[in-house]
């Protein structure tokens, strides 16, 4: 919302001209006017010619200007907050994605370790079986030697 300062030229204040209350039919961009009756022929008629025609702003105008400034600041703050919120959401999403990737890498590493442990467990079980077979064979031969013969 664009606002323009209030300039007082008579005793009664004139309304502030903003984008909302501008009449698009009054003055065309190329200086063409519509067929309506106009009391002012030029937009510069509202601007005083010397500084002596300017009057200090009244209490109401000061409050209105302050309210407009606060409203403008609030709109800008809201916009900046929305931009900041979008940026924070984007960064949080990136953080979550990065954490998920790290967890996936750790999970793959644990799966590899588990596969390695399983293969080592199988190798140990095979070695245990071979050791038991060798012991049995050893004890059989020991018994043969002690008894001097065939079992």
C-alpha atoms as a PDB file:
ATOM      1  CA  UNK A   1       0.000   0.000   0.000  1.00  0.00           C
ATOM      2  CA  UNK A   2       1.503   3.314  -1.066  1.00  0.00           C
ATOM      3  CA  UNK A   3       0.761   6.388   0.993  1.00  0.00           C
ATOM      4  CA  UNK A   4       1.608   9.997   0.320  1.00  0.00           C
ATOM      5  CA  UNK A   5       2.091  12.743   2.905  1.00  0.00           C
ATOM      6  CA  UNK A   6      -0.832  14.993   3.721  1.00  0.00           C
ATOM      7  CA  UNK A   7      -0.371  18.561   2.540  1.00  0.00           C
ATOM      8  CA  UNK A   8      -2.849  21.090   3.847  1.00  0.00           C
ATOM      9  CA  UNK A   9      -3.602  24.157   1.745  1.00  0.00           C
ATOM     10  CA  UNK A  10      -6.878  25.458   3.316  1.00  0.00           C
ATOM     11  CA  UNK A  11      -8.337  25.390   6.791  1.00  0.00           C
ATOM     12  CA  UNK A  12      -9.995  22.006   6.244  1.00  0.00           C
ATOM     13  CA  UNK A  13      -7.777  18.978   5.666  1.00  0.00           C
ATOM     14  CA  UNK A  14      -8.049  17.150   2.371  1.00  0.00           C
ATOM     15  CA  UNK A  15      -8.098  13.364   2.272  1.00  0.00           C
ATOM     16  CA  UNK A  16      -4.802  11.659   1.598  1.00  0.00           C
ATOM     17  CA  UNK A  17      -4.549  10.338  -1.955  1.00  0.00           C
ATOM     18  CA  UNK A  18      -3.579   6.660  -1.993  1.00  0.00           C
ATOM     19  CA  UNK A  19      -3.698   3.845  -4.514  1.00  0.00           C
ATOM     20  CA  UNK A  20      -7.048   2.675  -3.125  1.00  0.00           C
ATOM     21  CA  UNK A  21      -8.976   5.922  -3.544  1.00  0.00           C
ATOM     22  CA  UNK A  22      -7.379   7.183  -6.771  1.00  0.00           C
ATOM     23  CA  UNK A  23      -9.908   7.539  -9.574  1.00  0.00           C
ATOM     24  CA  UNK A  24      -8.424   5.951 -12.657  1.00  0.00           C
ATOM     25  CA  UNK A  25     -10.866   7.825 -14.910  1.00  0.00           C
ATOM     26  CA  UNK A  26      -9.778  11.294 -13.775  1.00  0.00           C
ATOM     27  CA  UNK A  27      -6.322  11.414 -15.319  1.00  0.00           C
ATOM     28  CA  UNK A  28      -4.951   9.033 -17.891  1.00  0.00           C
ATOM     29  CA  UNK A  29      -1.209   8.330 -18.044  1.00  0.00           C
ATOM     30  CA  UNK A  30      -0.789  10.421 -21.222  1.00  0.00           C
ATOM     31  CA  UNK A  31      -2.583  13.493 -19.929  1.00  0.00           C
ATOM     32  CA  UNK A  32      -5.984  12.534 -21.418  1.00  0.00           C
ATOM     33  CA  UNK A  33      -8.950  13.282 -19.196  1.00  0.00           C
ATOM     34  CA  UNK A  34     -12.431  11.835 -19.172  1.00  0.00           C
ATOM     35  CA  UNK A  35     -15.529  13.865 -19.987  1.00  0.00           C
ATOM     36  CA  UNK A  36     -16.487  14.526 -16.342  1.00  0.00           C
ATOM     37  CA  UNK A  37     -16.549  17.977 -14.730  1.00  0.00           C
ATOM     38  CA  UNK A  38     -13.294  18.714 -12.885  1.00  0.00           C
ATOM     39  CA  UNK A  39     -12.509  21.591 -10.618  1.00  0.00           C
ATOM     40  CA  UNK A  40      -8.766  21.009 -10.774  1.00  0.00           C
ATOM     41  CA  UNK A  41      -7.034  20.974 -14.127  1.00  0.00           C
ATOM     42  CA  UNK A  42      -3.690  19.698 -12.937  1.00  0.00           C
ATOM     43  CA  UNK A  43      -2.412  17.450 -10.137  1.00  0.00           C
ATOM     44  CA  UNK A  44       0.153  20.128  -9.191  1.00  0.00           C
ATOM     45  CA  UNK A  45      -2.630  22.499  -8.035  1.00  0.00           C
ATOM     46  CA  UNK A  46      -2.648  20.692  -4.662  1.00  0.00           C
ATOM     47  CA  UNK A  47       1.014  21.442  -3.949  1.00  0.00           C
ATOM     48  CA  UNK A  48       1.628  24.777  -2.219  1.00  0.00           C
ATOM     49  CA  UNK A  49       3.949  27.191  -3.972  1.00  0.00           C
ATOM     50  CA  UNK A  50       5.904  28.359  -0.901  1.00  0.00           C
ATOM     51  CA  UNK A  51       6.852  27.060   2.535  1.00  0.00           C
ATOM     52  CA  UNK A  52       4.730  29.762   4.211  1.00  0.00           C
ATOM     53  CA  UNK A  53       1.579  27.978   3.002  1.00  0.00           C
ATOM     54  CA  UNK A  54       2.515  24.789   4.881  1.00  0.00           C
ATOM     55  CA  UNK A  55       0.894  24.404   8.260  1.00  0.00           C
ATOM     56  CA  UNK A  56       2.103  22.230  11.095  1.00  0.00           C
ATOM     57  CA  UNK A  57       0.307  18.903  11.210  1.00  0.00           C
ATOM     58  CA  UNK A  58      -2.606  18.684  13.591  1.00  0.00           C
ATOM     59  CA  UNK A  59      -2.855  16.038  16.344  1.00  0.00           C
ATOM     60  CA  UNK A  60      -5.253  13.972  14.247  1.00  0.00           C
ATOM     61  CA  UNK A  61      -2.988  14.068  11.210  1.00  0.00           C
ATOM     62  CA  UNK A  62       0.013  13.091  13.343  1.00  0.00           C
ATOM     63  CA  UNK A  63      -1.888  10.151  14.788  1.00  0.00           C
ATOM     64  CA  UNK A  64      -3.069   9.138  11.335  1.00  0.00           C
ATOM     65  CA  UNK A  65       0.465   9.350   9.967  1.00  0.00           C
ATOM     66  CA  UNK A  66       1.804   7.375  12.934  1.00  0.00           C
ATOM     67  CA  UNK A  67      -0.912   4.748  12.499  1.00  0.00           C
ATOM     68  CA  UNK A  68      -0.091   4.510   8.796  1.00  0.00           C
ATOM     69  CA  UNK A  69       3.618   4.161   9.580  1.00  0.00           C
ATOM     70  CA  UNK A  70       2.913   1.442  12.152  1.00  0.00           C
ATOM     71  CA  UNK A  71       0.596  -0.354   9.738  1.00  0.00           C
ATOM     72  CA  UNK A  72       3.223  -0.205   7.019  1.00  0.00           C
ATOM     73  CA  UNK A  73       5.875  -1.470   9.433  1.00  0.00           C
ATOM     74  CA  UNK A  74       3.544  -4.270  10.542  1.00  0.00           C
ATOM     75  CA  UNK A  75       2.905  -5.344   6.951  1.00  0.00           C
ATOM     76  CA  UNK A  76       6.625  -5.337   6.202  1.00  0.00           C
ATOM     77  CA  UNK A  77       7.366  -7.236   9.432  1.00  0.00           C
ATOM     78  CA  UNK A  78       4.713  -9.804   8.571  1.00  0.00           C
ATOM     79  CA  UNK A  79       6.199 -10.238   5.106  1.00  0.00           C
ATOM     80  CA  UNK A  80       9.728 -10.576   6.507  1.00  0.00           C
ATOM     81  CA  UNK A  81       8.456 -13.065   9.097  1.00  0.00           C
ATOM     82  CA  UNK A  82       6.831 -15.130   6.348  1.00  0.00           C
ATOM     83  CA  UNK A  83      10.048 -15.086   4.314  1.00  0.00           C
ATOM     84  CA  UNK A  84      12.041 -16.062   7.396  1.00  0.00           C
ATOM     85  CA  UNK A  85       9.559 -18.821   8.229  1.00  0.00           C
ATOM     86  CA  UNK A  86       9.842 -20.255   4.703  1.00  0.00           C
ATOM     87  CA  UNK A  87      13.629 -20.131   4.988  1.00  0.00           C
ATOM     88  CA  UNK A  88      13.539 -21.884   8.376  1.00  0.00           C
ATOM     89  CA  UNK A  89      11.168 -24.559   7.047  1.00  0.00           C
ATOM     90  CA  UNK A  90      13.472 -25.121   4.086  1.00  0.00           C
ATOM     91  CA  UNK A  91      16.497 -25.424   6.359  1.00  0.00           C
ATOM     92  CA  UNK A  92      14.661 -27.795   8.702  1.00  0.00           C
ATOM     93  CA  UNK A  93      13.646 -29.958   5.739  1.00  0.00           C
ATOM     94  CA  UNK A  94      17.273 -29.991   4.553  1.00  0.00           C
ATOM     95  CA  UNK A  95      18.426 -30.902   8.074  1.00  0.00           C
ATOM     96  CA  UNK A  96      15.907 -33.751   8.303  1.00  0.00           C
ATOM     97  CA  UNK A  97      16.949 -35.020   4.876  1.00  0.00           C
ATOM     98  CA  UNK A  98      20.627 -34.919   5.870  1.00  0.00           C
ATOM     99  CA  UNK A  99      19.922 -36.735   9.151  1.00  0.00           C
ATOM    100  CA  UNK A 100      17.944 -39.390   7.260  1.00  0.00           C
ATOM    101  CA  UNK A 101      20.866 -39.917   4.874  1.00  0.00           C
ATOM    102  CA  UNK A 102      23.237 -40.269   7.817  1.00  0.00           C
ATOM    103  CA  UNK A 103      20.917 -42.817   9.429  1.00  0.00           C
ATOM    104  CA  UNK A 104      20.650 -44.768   6.167  1.00  0.00           C
ATOM    105  CA  UNK A 105      24.460 -44.871   5.913  1.00  0.00           C
ATOM    106  CA  UNK A 106      24.724 -46.092   9.516  1.00  0.00           C
ATOM    107  CA  UNK A 107      22.027 -48.691   8.906  1.00  0.00           C
ATOM    108  CA  UNK A 108      23.850 -49.994   5.813  1.00  0.00           C
ATOM    109  CA  UNK A 109      27.063 -50.144   7.841  1.00  0.00           C
ATOM    110  CA  UNK A 110      25.318 -52.147  10.591  1.00  0.00           C
ATOM    111  CA  UNK A 111      23.819 -54.481   7.985  1.00  0.00           C
ATOM    112  CA  UNK A 112      27.301 -55.056   6.567  1.00  0.00           C
ATOM    113  CA  UNK A 113      28.634 -55.727  10.065  1.00  0.00           C
ATOM    114  CA  UNK A 114      25.766 -58.130  10.707  1.00  0.00           C
ATOM    115  CA  UNK A 115      26.527 -59.999   7.467  1.00  0.00           C
ATOM    116  CA  UNK A 116      30.206 -60.171   8.432  1.00  0.00           C
ATOM    117  CA  UNK A 117      29.318 -61.446  11.914  1.00  0.00           C
ATOM    118  CA  UNK A 118      26.995 -64.091  10.434  1.00  0.00           C
ATOM    119  CA  UNK A 119      29.705 -65.358   8.076  1.00  0.00           C
ATOM    120  CA  UNK A 120      32.242 -65.423  10.942  1.00  0.00           C
ATOM    121  CA  UNK A 121      29.719 -67.255  13.135  1.00  0.00           C
ATOM    122  CA  UNK A 122      29.225 -69.867  10.404  1.00  0.00           C
ATOM    123  CA  UNK A 123      32.998 -70.219   9.987  1.00  0.00           C
ATOM    124  CA  UNK A 124      33.398 -70.651  13.755  1.00  0.00           C
ATOM    125  CA  UNK A 125      30.629 -73.259  13.832  1.00  0.00           C
ATOM    126  CA  UNK A 126      32.340 -75.156  11.015  1.00  0.00           C
ATOM    127  CA  UNK A 127      35.661 -74.999  12.864  1.00  0.00           C
ATOM    128  CA  UNK A 128      33.952 -76.206  16.057  1.00  0.00           C
ATOM    129  CA  UNK A 129      32.473 -79.165  14.173  1.00  0.00           C
ATOM    130  CA  UNK A 130      35.883 -80.000  12.675  1.00  0.00           C
ATOM    131  CA  UNK A 131      37.497 -79.742  16.119  1.00  0.00           C
ATOM    132  CA  UNK A 132      34.910 -82.118  17.573  1.00  0.00           C
ATOM    133  CA  UNK A 133      35.515 -84.575  14.726  1.00  0.00           C
ATOM    134  CA  UNK A 134      39.279 -84.351  15.237  1.00  0.00           C
ATOM    135  CA  UNK A 135      38.845 -84.958  18.997  1.00  0.00           C
ATOM    136  CA  UNK A 136      36.681 -87.968  18.379  1.00  0.00           C
ATOM    137  CA  UNK A 137      39.225 -89.338  15.938  1.00  0.00           C
ATOM    138  CA  UNK A 138      42.038 -88.639  18.398  1.00  0.00           C
ATOM    139  CA  UNK A 139      40.252 -90.378  21.301  1.00  0.00           C
ATOM    140  CA  UNK A 140      39.435 -93.368  19.100  1.00  0.00           C
ATOM    141  CA  UNK A 141      43.083 -93.699  18.143  1.00  0.00           C
ATOM    142  CA  UNK A 142      44.113 -93.216  21.789  1.00  0.00           C
ATOM    143  CA  UNK A 143      41.791 -95.999  22.852  1.00  0.00           C
ATOM    144  CA  UNK A 144      43.197 -98.229  20.093  1.00  0.00           C
ATOM    145  CA  UNK A 145      46.707 -97.619  21.247  1.00  0.00           C
ATOM    146  CA  UNK A 146      45.775 -98.296  24.923  1.00  0.00           C
ATOM    147  CA  UNK A 147      43.919-101.495  24.218  1.00  0.00           C
ATOM    148  CA  UNK A 148      46.282-102.599  21.595  1.00  0.00           C
ATOM    149  CA  UNK A 149      43.818-103.473  19.083  1.00  0.00           C
ATOM    150  CA  UNK A 150      40.653-102.958  17.224  1.00  0.00           C
ATOM    151  CA  UNK A 151      37.605-101.593  18.732  1.00  0.00           C
END
